[in-house]
């Protein structure tokens, strides 16, 4: 299938390893010029103003495609955290993406063909996970639905891929024994396996393609039928 993205410039935010790295590789294989940003490259987007400063650095080659892969719990797992703790988790999962989008969406509107994909999670839907992280992803879902519809008339198609359990380095599930994995599959995942980062990358490449032009504000499950 010709995705229609060869020659496009893509920005992958959070590309040091795992899903972000696979997304960057997949887009390169599809002929995109890929700009990556991650902490391992010496770029910390958490401080206020840092995303905007980074955008200024690449404004001469503004992206046609943005893939927001940053996310995580920041190690903050307690429900009764003060709001400053929640704000830190929200910043990583949502705030940085909002700041970057706010810079580039006005440029994208003028070009009538652009794509933005966010990585979100099934956790809010199935009601499991750490509360700060789950609440951040729920807010991200609301953002994608709203902003996706607002800018679709200008050809800026904004979507999200909602992930279940994807096997990546450092995830808790990577350390389960075969027996423990089988028990987990029996309870939760009808496809009886974990997702793979390269599969996520393929799905992302479709969402940034010509073929996703009618998917404004869509949040696409990618979860093996998790329950």
C-alpha atoms as a PDB file:
ATOM      1  CA  UNK A   1       0.000   0.000   0.000  1.00  0.00           C
ATOM      2  CA  UNK A   2       1.310   3.431  -0.929  1.00  0.00           C
ATOM      3  CA  UNK A   3       0.901   5.578   2.180  1.00  0.00           C
ATOM      4  CA  UNK A   4       1.625   8.812   0.344  1.00  0.00           C
ATOM      5  CA  UNK A   5       4.137  10.042   2.908  1.00  0.00           C
ATOM      6  CA  UNK A   6       7.437   9.594   1.085  1.00  0.00           C
ATOM      7  CA  UNK A   7       9.345  12.858   1.183  1.00  0.00           C
ATOM      8  CA  UNK A   8       7.355  14.203   4.145  1.00  0.00           C
ATOM      9  CA  UNK A   9       9.106  15.521   7.250  1.00  0.00           C
ATOM     10  CA  UNK A  10       8.127  13.699  10.453  1.00  0.00           C
ATOM     11  CA  UNK A  11       8.850  14.652  14.052  1.00  0.00           C
ATOM     12  CA  UNK A  12       8.854  11.786  16.562  1.00  0.00           C
ATOM     13  CA  UNK A  13       8.751  12.971  20.171  1.00  0.00           C
ATOM     14  CA  UNK A  14      10.129  10.334  22.533  1.00  0.00           C
ATOM     15  CA  UNK A  15      12.173   8.289  20.087  1.00  0.00           C
ATOM     16  CA  UNK A  16      15.053   6.990  22.183  1.00  0.00           C
ATOM     17  CA  UNK A  17      13.818   3.395  22.477  1.00  0.00           C
ATOM     18  CA  UNK A  18      10.855   1.061  22.335  1.00  0.00           C
ATOM     19  CA  UNK A  19       7.787   2.286  20.486  1.00  0.00           C
ATOM     20  CA  UNK A  20       9.189   5.710  19.613  1.00  0.00           C
ATOM     21  CA  UNK A  21      12.323   4.214  18.102  1.00  0.00           C
ATOM     22  CA  UNK A  22      10.280   1.751  16.035  1.00  0.00           C
ATOM     23  CA  UNK A  23       8.000   4.542  14.822  1.00  0.00           C
ATOM     24  CA  UNK A  24      11.021   6.550  13.686  1.00  0.00           C
ATOM     25  CA  UNK A  25      12.442   3.510  11.869  1.00  0.00           C
ATOM     26  CA  UNK A  26       9.140   2.746  10.170  1.00  0.00           C
ATOM     27  CA  UNK A  27       8.665   6.303   8.930  1.00  0.00           C
ATOM     28  CA  UNK A  28      12.199   6.355   7.562  1.00  0.00           C
ATOM     29  CA  UNK A  29      11.463   3.093   5.742  1.00  0.00           C
ATOM     30  CA  UNK A  30       8.409   4.787   4.215  1.00  0.00           C
ATOM     31  CA  UNK A  31      10.606   7.548   2.842  1.00  0.00           C
ATOM     32  CA  UNK A  32      10.087  10.250   5.455  1.00  0.00           C
ATOM     33  CA  UNK A  33      12.757  12.610   6.657  1.00  0.00           C
ATOM     34  CA  UNK A  34      12.590  11.981  10.404  1.00  0.00           C
ATOM     35  CA  UNK A  35      13.473  14.399  13.207  1.00  0.00           C
ATOM     36  CA  UNK A  36      13.708  12.731  16.619  1.00  0.00           C
ATOM     37  CA  UNK A  37      13.801  14.209  20.096  1.00  0.00           C
ATOM     38  CA  UNK A  38      14.409  12.438  23.399  1.00  0.00           C
ATOM     39  CA  UNK A  39      16.186  12.884  26.702  1.00  0.00           C
ATOM     40  CA  UNK A  40      18.967  10.565  25.560  1.00  0.00           C
ATOM     41  CA  UNK A  41      19.713  13.160  22.888  1.00  0.00           C
ATOM     42  CA  UNK A  42      20.158  15.773  25.606  1.00  0.00           C
ATOM     43  CA  UNK A  43      16.754  17.399  25.172  1.00  0.00           C
ATOM     44  CA  UNK A  44      14.500  17.713  28.220  1.00  0.00           C
ATOM     45  CA  UNK A  45      11.036  18.903  27.231  1.00  0.00           C
ATOM     46  CA  UNK A  46       9.610  18.888  30.766  1.00  0.00           C
ATOM     47  CA  UNK A  47      10.562  22.445  31.841  1.00  0.00           C
ATOM     48  CA  UNK A  48       8.134  25.182  30.896  1.00  0.00           C
ATOM     49  CA  UNK A  49       9.187  26.799  27.626  1.00  0.00           C
ATOM     50  CA  UNK A  50      11.407  23.903  26.575  1.00  0.00           C
ATOM     51  CA  UNK A  51       9.031  22.510  23.907  1.00  0.00           C
ATOM     52  CA  UNK A  52       8.654  25.944  22.343  1.00  0.00           C
ATOM     53  CA  UNK A  53      12.435  26.426  22.346  1.00  0.00           C
ATOM     54  CA  UNK A  54      12.891  23.084  20.613  1.00  0.00           C
ATOM     55  CA  UNK A  55      10.271  24.001  18.004  1.00  0.00           C
ATOM     56  CA  UNK A  56      12.179  27.199  17.274  1.00  0.00           C
ATOM     57  CA  UNK A  57      15.286  25.126  16.542  1.00  0.00           C
ATOM     58  CA  UNK A  58      13.517  23.182  13.790  1.00  0.00           C
ATOM     59  CA  UNK A  59      11.203  25.891  12.449  1.00  0.00           C
ATOM     60  CA  UNK A  60      13.159  26.046   9.185  1.00  0.00           C
ATOM     61  CA  UNK A  61      11.992  22.481   8.467  1.00  0.00           C
ATOM     62  CA  UNK A  62       8.569  22.344  10.150  1.00  0.00           C
ATOM     63  CA  UNK A  63       7.091  18.836  10.278  1.00  0.00           C
ATOM     64  CA  UNK A  64       4.313  17.565   8.067  1.00  0.00           C
ATOM     65  CA  UNK A  65       3.792  14.741  10.571  1.00  0.00           C
ATOM     66  CA  UNK A  66       4.102  14.723  14.364  1.00  0.00           C
ATOM     67  CA  UNK A  67       4.072  11.532  16.430  1.00  0.00           C
ATOM     68  CA  UNK A  68       3.775  12.066  20.187  1.00  0.00           C
ATOM     69  CA  UNK A  69       5.083   8.937  21.925  1.00  0.00           C
ATOM     70  CA  UNK A  70       6.127  10.431  25.279  1.00  0.00           C
ATOM     71  CA  UNK A  71       4.313   9.017  28.276  1.00  0.00           C
ATOM     72  CA  UNK A  72       4.586   7.229  31.588  1.00  0.00           C
ATOM     73  CA  UNK A  73       3.802   7.454  35.273  1.00  0.00           C
ATOM     74  CA  UNK A  74       7.010   9.287  36.288  1.00  0.00           C
ATOM     75  CA  UNK A  75       7.173   6.793  39.152  1.00  0.00           C
ATOM     76  CA  UNK A  76       4.248   8.585  40.790  1.00  0.00           C
ATOM     77  CA  UNK A  77       1.802   5.810  41.602  1.00  0.00           C
ATOM     78  CA  UNK A  78      -0.138   7.003  44.642  1.00  0.00           C
ATOM     79  CA  UNK A  79      -3.706   8.156  44.212  1.00  0.00           C
ATOM     80  CA  UNK A  80      -3.621  10.733  47.012  1.00  0.00           C
ATOM     81  CA  UNK A  81      -0.781  12.790  45.626  1.00  0.00           C
ATOM     82  CA  UNK A  82      -0.936  16.570  45.884  1.00  0.00           C
ATOM     83  CA  UNK A  83      -1.870  18.283  42.649  1.00  0.00           C
ATOM     84  CA  UNK A  84       1.764  19.111  41.905  1.00  0.00           C
ATOM     85  CA  UNK A  85       2.407  15.369  41.532  1.00  0.00           C
ATOM     86  CA  UNK A  86      -0.512  14.946  39.168  1.00  0.00           C
ATOM     87  CA  UNK A  87       0.686  17.985  37.213  1.00  0.00           C
ATOM     88  CA  UNK A  88       4.082  16.346  36.649  1.00  0.00           C
ATOM     89  CA  UNK A  89       2.465  13.234  35.168  1.00  0.00           C
ATOM     90  CA  UNK A  90       0.061  15.285  33.068  1.00  0.00           C
ATOM     91  CA  UNK A  91       2.959  17.379  31.803  1.00  0.00           C
ATOM     92  CA  UNK A  92       4.736  14.328  30.384  1.00  0.00           C
ATOM     93  CA  UNK A  93       1.659  12.671  28.919  1.00  0.00           C
ATOM     94  CA  UNK A  94      -0.213  15.710  27.635  1.00  0.00           C
ATOM     95  CA  UNK A  95       1.302  19.118  28.332  1.00  0.00           C
ATOM     96  CA  UNK A  96       4.424  18.749  26.181  1.00  0.00           C
ATOM     97  CA  UNK A  97       2.324  17.609  23.213  1.00  0.00           C
ATOM     98  CA  UNK A  98      -0.066  20.538  23.645  1.00  0.00           C
ATOM     99  CA  UNK A  99       2.859  22.989  23.631  1.00  0.00           C
ATOM    100  CA  UNK A 100       4.379  21.504  20.475  1.00  0.00           C
ATOM    101  CA  UNK A 101       1.032  21.342  18.694  1.00  0.00           C
ATOM    102  CA  UNK A 102       0.302  24.961  19.597  1.00  0.00           C
ATOM    103  CA  UNK A 103       3.438  26.009  17.723  1.00  0.00           C
ATOM    104  CA  UNK A 104       3.047  23.856  14.634  1.00  0.00           C
ATOM    105  CA  UNK A 105      -0.714  23.562  14.033  1.00  0.00           C
ATOM    106  CA  UNK A 106      -1.025  27.172  12.745  1.00  0.00           C
ATOM    107  CA  UNK A 107       1.713  26.385  10.204  1.00  0.00           C
ATOM    108  CA  UNK A 108      -0.001  23.124   9.324  1.00  0.00           C
ATOM    109  CA  UNK A 109      -3.322  24.850   8.671  1.00  0.00           C
ATOM    110  CA  UNK A 110      -1.783  26.788   5.823  1.00  0.00           C
ATOM    111  CA  UNK A 111      -0.611  23.645   4.033  1.00  0.00           C
ATOM    112  CA  UNK A 112      -3.911  21.692   3.930  1.00  0.00           C
ATOM    113  CA  UNK A 113      -2.264  18.282   4.493  1.00  0.00           C
ATOM    114  CA  UNK A 114      -0.774  17.412   7.845  1.00  0.00           C
ATOM    115  CA  UNK A 115      -1.001  14.594  10.413  1.00  0.00           C
ATOM    116  CA  UNK A 116      -0.575  14.386  14.198  1.00  0.00           C
ATOM    117  CA  UNK A 117      -0.763  11.104  16.117  1.00  0.00           C
ATOM    118  CA  UNK A 118      -0.744  10.703  19.885  1.00  0.00           C
ATOM    119  CA  UNK A 119      -0.034   7.498  21.776  1.00  0.00           C
ATOM    120  CA  UNK A 120      -2.637   7.021  24.488  1.00  0.00           C
ATOM    121  CA  UNK A 121      -3.721   4.048  26.589  1.00  0.00           C
ATOM    122  CA  UNK A 122      -6.640   1.714  27.195  1.00  0.00           C
ATOM    123  CA  UNK A 123      -6.240   2.260  30.959  1.00  0.00           C
ATOM    124  CA  UNK A 124      -8.976   4.908  31.322  1.00  0.00           C
ATOM    125  CA  UNK A 125     -11.436   2.707  29.424  1.00  0.00           C
ATOM    126  CA  UNK A 126     -10.769  -0.513  31.334  1.00  0.00           C
ATOM    127  CA  UNK A 127     -10.345   1.394  34.617  1.00  0.00           C
ATOM    128  CA  UNK A 128      -7.002   0.000  35.714  1.00  0.00           C
ATOM    129  CA  UNK A 129      -3.645   1.602  36.404  1.00  0.00           C
ATOM    130  CA  UNK A 130      -2.181   4.343  38.557  1.00  0.00           C
ATOM    131  CA  UNK A 131      -4.608   7.222  39.020  1.00  0.00           C
ATOM    132  CA  UNK A 132      -2.260  10.079  37.987  1.00  0.00           C
ATOM    133  CA  UNK A 133      -1.363   8.242  34.756  1.00  0.00           C
ATOM    134  CA  UNK A 134      -4.929   7.140  34.012  1.00  0.00           C
ATOM    135  CA  UNK A 135      -6.290  10.642  34.560  1.00  0.00           C
ATOM    136  CA  UNK A 136      -3.619  12.104  32.263  1.00  0.00           C
ATOM    137  CA  UNK A 137      -4.472   9.674  29.473  1.00  0.00           C
ATOM    138  CA  UNK A 138      -8.202  10.370  29.927  1.00  0.00           C
ATOM    139  CA  UNK A 139      -7.459  14.068  29.463  1.00  0.00           C
ATOM    140  CA  UNK A 140      -5.363  13.270  26.398  1.00  0.00           C
ATOM    141  CA  UNK A 141      -8.293  11.385  24.877  1.00  0.00           C
ATOM    142  CA  UNK A 142     -10.552  14.383  25.378  1.00  0.00           C
ATOM    143  CA  UNK A 143      -7.955  16.689  23.860  1.00  0.00           C
ATOM    144  CA  UNK A 144      -7.534  14.525  20.757  1.00  0.00           C
ATOM    145  CA  UNK A 145     -11.266  14.292  20.131  1.00  0.00           C
ATOM    146  CA  UNK A 146     -11.736  18.039  20.474  1.00  0.00           C
ATOM    147  CA  UNK A 147      -8.679  19.383  18.682  1.00  0.00           C
ATOM    148  CA  UNK A 148      -8.959  16.702  16.009  1.00  0.00           C
ATOM    149  CA  UNK A 149     -12.387  17.888  14.989  1.00  0.00           C
ATOM    150  CA  UNK A 150     -11.533  21.575  15.179  1.00  0.00           C
ATOM    151  CA  UNK A 151      -8.682  21.502  12.674  1.00  0.00           C
ATOM    152  CA  UNK A 152      -9.799  18.729  10.335  1.00  0.00           C
ATOM    153  CA  UNK A 153     -11.386  21.217   7.931  1.00  0.00           C
ATOM    154  CA  UNK A 154      -7.885  22.530   7.275  1.00  0.00           C
ATOM    155  CA  UNK A 155      -6.525  19.087   6.412  1.00  0.00           C
ATOM    156  CA  UNK A 156      -4.817  18.679   9.806  1.00  0.00           C
ATOM    157  CA  UNK A 157      -5.891  15.187  10.861  1.00  0.00           C
ATOM    158  CA  UNK A 158      -5.233  14.493  14.536  1.00  0.00           C
ATOM    159  CA  UNK A 159      -5.739  10.989  15.929  1.00  0.00           C
ATOM    160  CA  UNK A 160      -4.583   8.712  18.733  1.00  0.00           C
ATOM    161  CA  UNK A 161      -3.603   5.082  19.004  1.00  0.00           C
ATOM    162  CA  UNK A 162      -4.861   3.576  22.267  1.00  0.00           C
ATOM    163  CA  UNK A 163      -2.447   0.873  23.412  1.00  0.00           C
ATOM    164  CA  UNK A 164      -2.980  -2.161  25.556  1.00  0.00           C
ATOM    165  CA  UNK A 165       0.050  -4.104  26.751  1.00  0.00           C
ATOM    166  CA  UNK A 166       2.981  -3.764  24.366  1.00  0.00           C
ATOM    167  CA  UNK A 167       6.105  -5.733  25.164  1.00  0.00           C
ATOM    168  CA  UNK A 168       8.989  -3.277  25.475  1.00  0.00           C
ATOM    169  CA  UNK A 169      12.161  -3.168  27.518  1.00  0.00           C
ATOM    170  CA  UNK A 170      11.601  -2.215  31.130  1.00  0.00           C
ATOM    171  CA  UNK A 171       7.891  -3.014  31.230  1.00  0.00           C
ATOM    172  CA  UNK A 172       6.709  -5.111  34.158  1.00  0.00           C
ATOM    173  CA  UNK A 173       5.271  -7.705  31.805  1.00  0.00           C
ATOM    174  CA  UNK A 174       8.682  -8.321  30.235  1.00  0.00           C
ATOM    175  CA  UNK A 175       9.756 -10.092  33.419  1.00  0.00           C
ATOM    176  CA  UNK A 176       6.832 -12.495  33.732  1.00  0.00           C
ATOM    177  CA  UNK A 177       7.517 -16.193  33.456  1.00  0.00           C
ATOM    178  CA  UNK A 178       5.866 -18.166  30.672  1.00  0.00           C
ATOM    179  CA  UNK A 179       3.335 -19.555  33.151  1.00  0.00           C
ATOM    180  CA  UNK A 180       2.546 -16.094  34.496  1.00  0.00           C
ATOM    181  CA  UNK A 181       2.141 -14.760  30.968  1.00  0.00           C
ATOM    182  CA  UNK A 182      -0.293 -17.527  30.064  1.00  0.00           C
ATOM    183  CA  UNK A 183      -2.358 -16.803  33.165  1.00  0.00           C
ATOM    184  CA  UNK A 184      -2.391 -13.098  32.297  1.00  0.00           C
ATOM    185  CA  UNK A 185      -3.519 -13.839  28.754  1.00  0.00           C
ATOM    186  CA  UNK A 186      -6.311 -16.089  30.008  1.00  0.00           C
ATOM    187  CA  UNK A 187      -7.616 -13.324  32.264  1.00  0.00           C
ATOM    188  CA  UNK A 188      -7.122 -10.269  30.083  1.00  0.00           C
ATOM    189  CA  UNK A 189      -6.036 -10.668  26.435  1.00  0.00           C
ATOM    190  CA  UNK A 190      -8.134 -12.732  23.990  1.00  0.00           C
ATOM    191  CA  UNK A 191      -5.393 -12.695  21.323  1.00  0.00           C
ATOM    192  CA  UNK A 192      -3.231 -14.498  23.890  1.00  0.00           C
ATOM    193  CA  UNK A 193      -0.085 -12.470  23.403  1.00  0.00           C
ATOM    194  CA  UNK A 194       1.377  -9.030  24.017  1.00  0.00           C
ATOM    195  CA  UNK A 195       1.614  -6.424  21.298  1.00  0.00           C
ATOM    196  CA  UNK A 196       4.932  -5.621  19.645  1.00  0.00           C
ATOM    197  CA  UNK A 197       6.488  -2.208  19.118  1.00  0.00           C
ATOM    198  CA  UNK A 198       6.954  -2.814  15.404  1.00  0.00           C
ATOM    199  CA  UNK A 199       3.206  -3.516  15.094  1.00  0.00           C
ATOM    200  CA  UNK A 200       2.447  -0.213  16.790  1.00  0.00           C
ATOM    201  CA  UNK A 201       4.766   1.525  14.338  1.00  0.00           C
ATOM    202  CA  UNK A 202       2.876   0.038  11.378  1.00  0.00           C
ATOM    203  CA  UNK A 203      -0.418   1.296  12.799  1.00  0.00           C
ATOM    204  CA  UNK A 204       1.036   4.761  13.378  1.00  0.00           C
ATOM    205  CA  UNK A 205       2.300   4.871   9.795  1.00  0.00           C
ATOM    206  CA  UNK A 206      -1.252   4.267   8.573  1.00  0.00           C
ATOM    207  CA  UNK A 207      -2.668   7.016  10.808  1.00  0.00           C
ATOM    208  CA  UNK A 208      -0.215   9.524   9.313  1.00  0.00           C
ATOM    209  CA  UNK A 209      -0.941   8.419   5.754  1.00  0.00           C
ATOM    210  CA  UNK A 210      -3.165   9.720   2.970  1.00  0.00           C
ATOM    211  CA  UNK A 211      -5.659   6.986   3.871  1.00  0.00           C
ATOM    212  CA  UNK A 212      -6.458   8.443   7.312  1.00  0.00           C
ATOM    213  CA  UNK A 213      -7.997  11.643   5.978  1.00  0.00           C
ATOM    214  CA  UNK A 214     -11.488  10.807   7.297  1.00  0.00           C
ATOM    215  CA  UNK A 215     -10.363   9.828  10.810  1.00  0.00           C
ATOM    216  CA  UNK A 216     -10.386  13.261  12.455  1.00  0.00           C
ATOM    217  CA  UNK A 217     -10.352  12.960  16.247  1.00  0.00           C
ATOM    218  CA  UNK A 218     -10.393   9.154  16.123  1.00  0.00           C
ATOM    219  CA  UNK A 219      -8.960   7.131  18.996  1.00  0.00           C
ATOM    220  CA  UNK A 220      -8.088   3.726  17.586  1.00  0.00           C
ATOM    221  CA  UNK A 221      -7.837   0.701  19.930  1.00  0.00           C
ATOM    222  CA  UNK A 222      -4.676  -1.352  19.618  1.00  0.00           C
ATOM    223  CA  UNK A 223      -5.043  -3.693  22.538  1.00  0.00           C
ATOM    224  CA  UNK A 224      -5.549  -7.331  21.550  1.00  0.00           C
ATOM    225  CA  UNK A 225      -9.137  -7.109  22.796  1.00  0.00           C
ATOM    226  CA  UNK A 226      -7.984  -6.434  26.363  1.00  0.00           C
ATOM    227  CA  UNK A 227     -10.571  -6.723  29.113  1.00  0.00           C
END
